[in-house]
Amino acid sequence: MIKSAIVGASGYSGAEVFRILSGHPKVELTAITSTSRQGSSISELYPNTTSSSDMVFSSYSPTLASGNDVIFLALPHGQAMSIVPELMAAGDAKIIDLSGDFRLPGSVYESWYKKTHSAPNIIDSAVNGLSELNYDALLKARLVANPGCYPTSIILAIAPLVVAKVISEPIVATCLSGVSGAGRAATDLTHFCRAENNVSAYKVGGTHQHIPEIEQGLSSLAQETLKIVFTPQLGPFTRGIYSNIAASLKKETSIKEIDELYRTFYDDKPFVKILDQGVFPELKGVSGTNFCHVGVAIDERTNTITAISALDNLVKGAAGQAIQNMNIIFGLDETTGLTTMGSMP
């Protein structure tokens, strides 16, 4: 069995890691930590765990790295960087970080996250955890920088187009996120009275911190610098990201050719489902799952292509992808413990 611990298990992403690992056939969960909930059981905070666990939140210690095979870090941005160096020094455990601390070069991180990076010398050793695109690198990873939910939804939606170089800038992405993407701590924007029956845009005009991560991923695929126009929006629902990405085609291309391009690109990627022509994703189709659904259409009048993706921001956009990466690192089938079907209605 793979021994694992979750640092920051009281937040939404950490609790989702806990939920999924609790049903993973190859994992033994040894510890869950929380700064604010030490000594209380996870079922007190998350009643959905009552029937399956009575684990108690403990304090963090770097010795977790010597008693476990893998450690999941589900901490707010800016906190993981302070403990990753001591974890790496204290033991051989693999580390999967769900925050943004190791996704970007140090200077880029500091510019967008407005924080000084305390461990810039470790960043280059981190492997980007977009599972479908970095499988081989993940096999040898010690530290994984799990990607953000928005970057995952956008990059997976248009990766085949970028690699094939069939689209041109501008690439315009408008994405709608559920309230859980902001974390467990309520804000004025996520307060029920504000969010219910409401849609609001935020960090508009090229200011969202996920922009450099999206551009980094797309540019790496294209082998040239690409930029994106990104507008995030908050929707009146708990889970999910619905991304609508549009770009011009470089030449007239049939939808049949595009469909073949996508199906070939994702042929061996079990968690990306390309929908039939004329069918487009729904959030309820992916809620609670590690799947990303993608639908594509061409507007022949404007020679424009639109790719639409849907995923659960807490699963494929965070915890599920982290566990998918763990499966890859430890030589398991990447779907192990992650094939749960979504629930409707």
Protein backbone atom coordinates (compact mmCIF):
# COMPACT_ATOMS: atom_id res chain seq x y z
CA MET A 1 0.00 0.00 0.00
CA ILE A 2 1.06 3.58 -0.69
CA LYS A 3 1.25 5.53 2.57
CA SER A 4 0.04 9.10 2.20
CA ALA A 5 -0.62 12.24 4.23
CA ILE A 6 -2.56 15.40 3.47
CA VAL A 7 -1.25 18.73 4.71
CA GLY A 8 -4.11 21.23 4.81
CA ALA A 9 -6.94 18.70 4.75
CA SER A 10 -9.55 21.06 6.18
CA GLY A 11 -9.84 23.15 3.00
CA TYR A 12 -12.05 22.17 0.10
CA SER A 13 -9.24 20.76 -2.06
CA GLY A 14 -7.64 18.89 0.82
CA ALA A 15 -10.99 17.46 1.88
CA GLU A 16 -11.56 16.31 -1.69
CA VAL A 17 -8.17 14.56 -1.69
CA PHE A 18 -9.29 12.88 1.53
CA ARG A 19 -12.64 11.84 0.04
CA ILE A 20 -11.08 10.23 -3.00
CA LEU A 21 -8.15 8.60 -1.19
CA SER A 22 -10.57 7.08 1.32
CA GLY A 23 -11.87 4.88 -1.48
CA HIS A 24 -8.53 4.28 -3.22
CA PRO A 25 -7.67 0.56 -3.20
CA LYS A 26 -3.90 1.10 -3.11
CA VAL A 27 -3.57 3.88 -0.53
CA GLU A 28 -3.31 3.94 3.25
CA LEU A 29 -4.02 7.42 4.61
CA THR A 30 -1.83 7.95 7.70
CA ALA A 31 -2.33 11.61 8.64
CA ILE A 32 -4.37 14.70 7.90
CA THR A 33 -3.22 18.07 9.17
CA SER A 34 -4.89 21.40 9.81
CA THR A 35 -3.68 24.53 11.55
CA SER A 36 -7.16 25.62 12.63
CA ARG A 37 -8.80 22.25 13.38
CA GLN A 38 -6.18 20.28 15.31
CA GLY A 39 -7.73 17.68 17.60
CA SER A 40 -11.12 17.60 15.90
CA SER A 41 -12.29 14.87 13.56
CA ILE A 42 -12.78 15.50 9.88
CA SER A 43 -16.39 14.32 10.15
CA GLU A 44 -17.17 17.27 12.43
CA LEU A 45 -16.23 19.63 9.60
CA TYR A 46 -17.37 17.48 6.66
CA PRO A 47 -20.39 15.30 7.59
CA ASN A 48 -20.12 13.42 4.28
CA THR A 49 -17.11 11.57 5.76
CA THR A 50 -18.96 10.32 8.85
CA SER A 51 -19.71 6.85 7.50
CA SER A 52 -16.18 6.15 6.30
CA SER A 53 -13.71 7.77 8.70
CA ASP A 54 -13.09 9.11 12.17
CA MET A 55 -9.62 10.52 11.41
CA VAL A 56 -8.54 13.48 13.51
CA PHE A 57 -6.68 16.54 12.28
CA SER A 58 -3.13 16.72 13.62
CA SER A 59 -0.38 19.33 13.48
CA TYR A 60 2.08 19.50 10.61
CA SER A 61 5.58 18.09 10.99
CA PRO A 62 8.32 17.62 8.37
CA THR A 63 8.74 14.07 9.72
CA LEU A 64 5.70 13.20 7.58
CA ALA A 65 8.19 12.89 4.73
CA SER A 66 9.98 9.98 6.38
CA GLY A 67 6.90 7.95 7.26
CA ASN A 68 4.95 8.29 4.03
CA ASP A 69 5.40 7.59 0.34
CA VAL A 70 3.52 10.66 -0.86
CA ILE A 71 2.40 13.94 0.70
CA PHE A 72 -0.36 16.09 -0.73
CA LEU A 73 -0.06 19.81 0.04
CA ALA A 74 -3.45 21.54 -0.06
CA LEU A 75 -2.40 24.89 1.34
CA PRO A 76 -3.15 28.48 0.34
CA HIS A 77 -0.80 30.04 -2.21
CA GLY A 78 2.41 31.15 -0.52
CA GLN A 79 2.49 28.51 2.22
CA ALA A 80 3.76 25.41 0.42
CA MET A 81 7.04 27.06 -0.56
CA SER A 82 7.98 27.41 3.11
CA ILE A 83 7.67 23.71 3.92
CA VAL A 84 8.64 21.91 0.70
CA PRO A 85 12.41 22.34 1.29
CA GLU A 86 12.22 20.82 4.79
CA LEU A 87 9.99 18.00 3.60
CA MET A 88 12.44 17.16 0.83
CA ALA A 89 15.29 17.17 3.34
CA ALA A 90 13.43 15.09 5.93
CA GLY A 91 12.59 12.06 3.79
CA ASP A 92 12.01 10.54 0.36
CA ALA A 93 8.28 11.08 0.07
CA LYS A 94 6.94 12.36 -3.23
CA ILE A 95 5.30 15.76 -2.87
CA ILE A 96 2.24 16.87 -4.85
CA ASP A 97 1.51 20.56 -4.34
CA LEU A 98 -1.97 21.78 -5.21
CA SER A 99 -1.09 25.46 -4.82
CA GLY A 100 0.51 27.77 -7.35
CA ASP A 101 3.85 27.98 -5.56
CA PHE A 102 5.89 25.84 -7.95
CA ARG A 103 4.05 26.29 -11.25
CA LEU A 104 5.93 29.36 -12.49
CA PRO A 105 9.48 30.74 -12.57
CA GLY A 106 10.21 32.69 -9.38
CA SER A 107 10.15 36.17 -10.89
CA VAL A 108 6.92 35.44 -12.77
CA TYR A 109 5.32 34.03 -9.64
CA GLU A 110 6.27 37.11 -7.63
CA SER A 111 4.93 39.45 -10.30
CA TRP A 112 1.51 37.77 -10.53
CA TYR A 113 0.97 36.46 -6.99
CA LYS A 114 2.47 39.55 -5.32
CA LYS A 115 4.49 37.37 -2.93
CA THR A 116 8.23 36.84 -2.50
CA HIS A 117 9.18 33.26 -3.35
CA SER A 118 11.22 31.73 -0.55
CA ALA A 119 12.39 28.61 -2.42
CA PRO A 120 13.18 29.69 -6.01
CA ASN A 121 16.01 27.16 -6.29
CA ILE A 122 13.50 24.29 -6.12
CA ILE A 123 11.09 25.52 -8.78
CA ASP A 124 13.01 24.08 -11.72
CA SER A 125 12.85 20.59 -10.20
CA ALA A 126 9.05 20.62 -10.08
CA VAL A 127 7.18 18.72 -12.80
CA ASN A 128 4.00 20.30 -14.16
CA GLY A 129 1.15 18.01 -13.21
CA LEU A 130 -1.15 18.35 -16.20
CA SER A 131 -1.40 14.58 -16.39
CA GLU A 132 -2.44 14.17 -20.01
CA LEU A 133 0.47 16.22 -21.34
CA ASN A 134 3.32 15.33 -18.96
CA TYR A 135 2.94 11.60 -18.33
CA ASP A 136 6.58 10.65 -19.02
CA ALA A 137 8.01 13.44 -16.86
CA LEU A 138 5.69 12.50 -14.00
CA LEU A 139 7.11 8.98 -13.90
CA LYS A 140 10.35 10.44 -12.48
CA ALA A 141 8.89 13.31 -10.44
CA ARG A 142 9.80 14.00 -6.82
CA LEU A 143 7.88 17.29 -6.66
CA VAL A 144 4.72 17.86 -8.70
CA ALA A 145 3.20 21.29 -9.30
CA ASN A 146 -0.44 20.38 -9.73
CA PRO A 147 -1.96 22.80 -12.28
CA GLY A 148 -4.74 25.27 -11.57
CA CYS A 149 -8.35 24.55 -12.44
CA TYR A 150 -8.68 27.27 -15.07
CA PRO A 151 -5.42 26.31 -16.84
CA THR A 152 -6.48 22.66 -16.87
CA SER A 153 -9.85 23.47 -18.43
CA ILE A 154 -8.43 25.81 -21.08
CA ILE A 155 -5.29 23.89 -22.04
CA LEU A 156 -7.08 20.54 -22.36
CA ALA A 157 -9.78 22.19 -24.48
CA ILE A 158 -7.41 23.53 -27.14
CA ALA A 159 -4.17 21.53 -26.83
CA PRO A 160 -4.79 19.59 -30.07
CA LEU A 161 -5.34 22.85 -31.97
CA VAL A 162 -2.21 24.44 -30.54
CA VAL A 163 0.02 21.46 -31.24
CA ALA A 164 -1.29 21.19 -34.82
CA LYS A 165 -0.84 24.98 -35.25
CA VAL A 166 -4.26 25.40 -36.87
CA ILE A 167 -5.36 28.48 -34.89
CA SER A 168 -4.08 32.02 -34.65
CA GLU A 169 -4.22 34.68 -31.97
CA PRO A 170 -6.15 36.14 -30.35
CA ILE A 171 -7.21 33.17 -28.28
CA VAL A 172 -10.19 34.28 -26.21
CA ALA A 173 -11.28 32.29 -23.16
CA THR A 174 -14.37 33.07 -21.12
CA CYS A 175 -14.72 30.76 -18.13
CA LEU A 176 -17.44 30.32 -15.53
CA SER A 177 -16.41 28.88 -12.17
CA GLY A 178 -18.34 27.55 -9.21
CA VAL A 179 -18.04 29.26 -5.83
CA SER A 180 -15.94 26.46 -4.30
CA GLY A 181 -13.04 27.57 -6.50
CA ALA A 182 -12.49 30.47 -4.11
CA GLY A 183 -11.90 28.14 -1.16
CA ARG A 184 -13.70 27.54 2.13
CA ALA A 185 -13.24 31.06 3.53
CA ALA A 186 -16.13 33.27 2.42
CA THR A 187 -15.57 36.61 0.74
CA ASP A 188 -17.90 39.42 -0.30
CA LEU A 189 -17.99 37.92 -3.80
CA THR A 190 -18.73 34.36 -2.65
CA HIS A 191 -21.16 35.20 0.14
CA PHE A 192 -24.47 33.38 -0.52
CA CYS A 193 -26.50 36.58 -0.75
CA ARG A 194 -24.12 37.91 -3.40
CA ALA A 195 -23.53 34.73 -5.39
CA GLU A 196 -27.03 33.24 -5.48
CA ASN A 197 -28.86 33.83 -8.79
CA ASN A 198 -25.93 35.96 -9.93
CA VAL A 199 -23.06 35.91 -12.41
CA SER A 200 -20.11 38.25 -11.95
CA ALA A 201 -16.82 38.77 -13.74
CA TYR A 202 -13.67 39.32 -11.71
CA LYS A 203 -9.99 40.07 -12.34
CA VAL A 204 -10.89 41.28 -15.82
CA GLY A 205 -8.41 42.83 -18.22
CA GLY A 206 -5.48 40.45 -18.00
CA THR A 207 -5.05 40.49 -14.21
CA HIS A 208 -5.87 36.93 -13.11
CA GLN A 209 -2.90 35.04 -11.65
CA HIS A 210 -3.60 31.96 -13.80
CA ILE A 211 -2.83 33.82 -17.04
CA PRO A 212 0.94 33.17 -17.03
CA GLU A 213 0.32 29.51 -16.23
CA ILE A 214 -2.10 29.18 -19.14
CA GLU A 215 0.26 30.99 -21.51
CA GLN A 216 3.23 28.95 -20.29
CA GLY A 217 1.40 25.71 -21.01
CA LEU A 218 0.11 26.75 -24.41
CA SER A 219 3.46 28.22 -25.47
CA SER A 220 5.24 25.02 -24.50
CA LEU A 221 2.85 23.02 -26.67
CA ALA A 222 3.15 25.41 -29.61
CA GLN A 223 6.91 25.89 -29.27
CA GLU A 224 6.29 29.60 -29.66
CA THR A 225 4.99 32.40 -27.47
CA LEU A 226 1.20 32.52 -27.25
CA LYS A 227 -0.98 34.92 -25.32
CA ILE A 228 -4.57 34.61 -24.21
CA VAL A 229 -7.45 36.94 -23.48
CA PHE A 230 -8.94 35.48 -20.31
CA THR A 231 -12.13 36.54 -18.53
CA PRO A 232 -13.04 34.55 -15.40
CA GLN A 233 -16.58 34.66 -14.07
CA LEU A 234 -18.26 33.40 -10.92
CA GLY A 235 -21.49 31.43 -11.30
CA PRO A 236 -24.26 30.57 -8.80
CA PHE A 237 -23.25 26.94 -8.32
CA THR A 238 -20.84 25.06 -6.07
CA ARG A 239 -18.71 22.91 -8.36
CA GLY A 240 -17.43 23.14 -11.89
CA ILE A 241 -15.64 25.17 -14.52
CA TYR A 242 -17.24 25.81 -17.90
CA SER A 243 -14.74 27.18 -20.41
CA ASN A 244 -15.55 28.67 -23.80
CA ILE A 245 -12.46 29.27 -25.95
CA ALA A 246 -12.58 30.86 -29.40
CA ALA A 247 -9.89 31.49 -32.02
CA SER A 248 -9.55 31.99 -35.77
CA LEU A 249 -8.56 29.09 -37.98
CA LYS A 250 -5.50 29.68 -40.13
CA LYS A 251 -7.24 28.05 -43.08
CA GLU A 252 -10.62 26.56 -43.88
CA THR A 253 -10.93 23.29 -42.00
CA SER A 254 -13.84 20.90 -41.73
CA ILE A 255 -15.35 19.84 -38.44
CA LYS A 256 -14.61 16.26 -39.43
CA GLU A 257 -10.90 17.04 -39.62
CA ILE A 258 -11.01 18.76 -36.24
CA ASP A 259 -12.90 15.88 -34.68
CA GLU A 260 -10.30 13.42 -35.95
CA LEU A 261 -7.54 15.67 -34.65
CA TYR A 262 -9.02 15.68 -31.14
CA ARG A 263 -9.79 11.98 -31.04
CA THR A 264 -6.28 11.07 -32.17
CA PHE A 265 -4.66 13.45 -29.69
CA TYR A 266 -6.64 12.09 -26.72
CA ASP A 267 -6.94 8.50 -27.89
CA ASP A 268 -5.05 7.07 -24.90
CA LYS A 269 -6.16 9.68 -22.36
CA PRO A 270 -8.99 8.12 -20.34
CA PHE A 271 -10.15 11.26 -18.54
CA VAL A 272 -10.66 13.52 -21.56
CA LYS A 273 -13.88 12.70 -23.36
CA ILE A 274 -14.42 14.22 -26.82
CA LEU A 275 -18.14 14.57 -27.40
CA ASP A 276 -19.89 13.79 -30.65
CA GLN A 277 -20.25 16.57 -33.21
CA GLY A 278 -23.03 18.94 -32.21
CA VAL A 279 -22.95 17.83 -28.58
CA PHE A 280 -21.48 20.13 -25.92
CA PRO A 281 -20.49 19.66 -22.28
CA GLU A 282 -22.71 20.15 -19.26
CA LEU A 283 -21.38 20.74 -15.76
CA LYS A 284 -23.65 18.06 -14.31
CA GLY A 285 -22.02 15.59 -16.63
CA VAL A 286 -18.67 15.96 -14.84
CA SER A 287 -19.61 16.99 -11.28
CA GLY A 288 -17.83 14.82 -8.73
CA THR A 289 -15.68 13.14 -11.40
CA ASN A 290 -12.13 13.37 -12.72
CA PHE A 291 -13.34 13.72 -16.30
CA CYS A 292 -13.03 16.67 -18.64
CA HIS A 293 -15.65 16.80 -21.41
CA VAL A 294 -14.83 18.70 -24.60
CA GLY A 295 -17.05 19.75 -27.49
CA VAL A 296 -15.93 21.64 -30.60
CA ALA A 297 -17.71 23.62 -33.31
CA ILE A 298 -16.69 25.67 -36.37
CA ASP A 299 -18.39 28.87 -37.47
CA GLU A 300 -17.81 28.71 -41.23
CA ARG A 301 -19.08 32.25 -41.70
CA THR A 302 -16.20 33.72 -39.68
CA ASN A 303 -13.76 30.79 -40.00
CA THR A 304 -13.67 30.62 -36.21
CA ILE A 305 -13.43 27.57 -33.99
CA THR A 306 -14.99 27.30 -30.54
CA ALA A 307 -13.88 24.68 -28.02
CA ILE A 308 -15.96 24.18 -24.88
CA SER A 309 -14.82 22.19 -21.88
CA ALA A 310 -16.38 21.26 -18.56
CA LEU A 311 -14.73 19.80 -15.49
CA ASP A 312 -15.15 19.69 -11.72
CA ASN A 313 -12.79 22.30 -10.31
CA LEU A 314 -12.26 20.31 -7.09
CA VAL A 315 -11.59 16.99 -8.83
CA LYS A 316 -10.01 17.21 -12.29
CA GLY A 317 -9.12 20.81 -11.46
CA ALA A 318 -7.43 19.92 -8.17
CA ALA A 319 -7.67 16.78 -6.00
CA GLY A 320 -8.53 14.22 -8.67
CA GLN A 321 -5.71 15.31 -10.94
CA ALA A 322 -3.32 15.22 -7.96
CA ILE A 323 -4.30 11.60 -7.33
CA GLN A 324 -4.07 10.83 -11.04
CA ASN A 325 -0.49 12.12 -10.84
CA MET A 326 0.18 9.95 -7.80
CA ASN A 327 -1.06 6.91 -9.72
CA ILE A 328 1.31 7.70 -12.57
CA ILE A 329 4.31 8.26 -10.26
CA PHE A 330 3.79 4.93 -8.51
CA GLY A 331 3.22 2.92 -11.67
CA LEU A 332 -0.50 2.33 -11.17
CA ASP A 333 -3.12 2.57 -13.87
CA GLU A 334 -3.84 6.29 -13.84
CA THR A 335 -7.57 5.65 -13.44
CA THR A 336 -7.18 3.74 -10.15
CA GLY A 337 -9.63 5.09 -7.58
CA LEU A 338 -10.87 7.74 -9.98
CA THR A 339 -13.54 6.15 -12.14
CA THR A 340 -16.54 7.23 -10.08
CA MET A 341 -19.46 8.22 -12.28
CA GLY A 342 -21.05 11.61 -11.73
CA SER A 343 -24.54 11.97 -10.28
CA MET A 344 -27.61 13.41 -12.01
CA PRO A 345 -29.91 15.15 -11.45
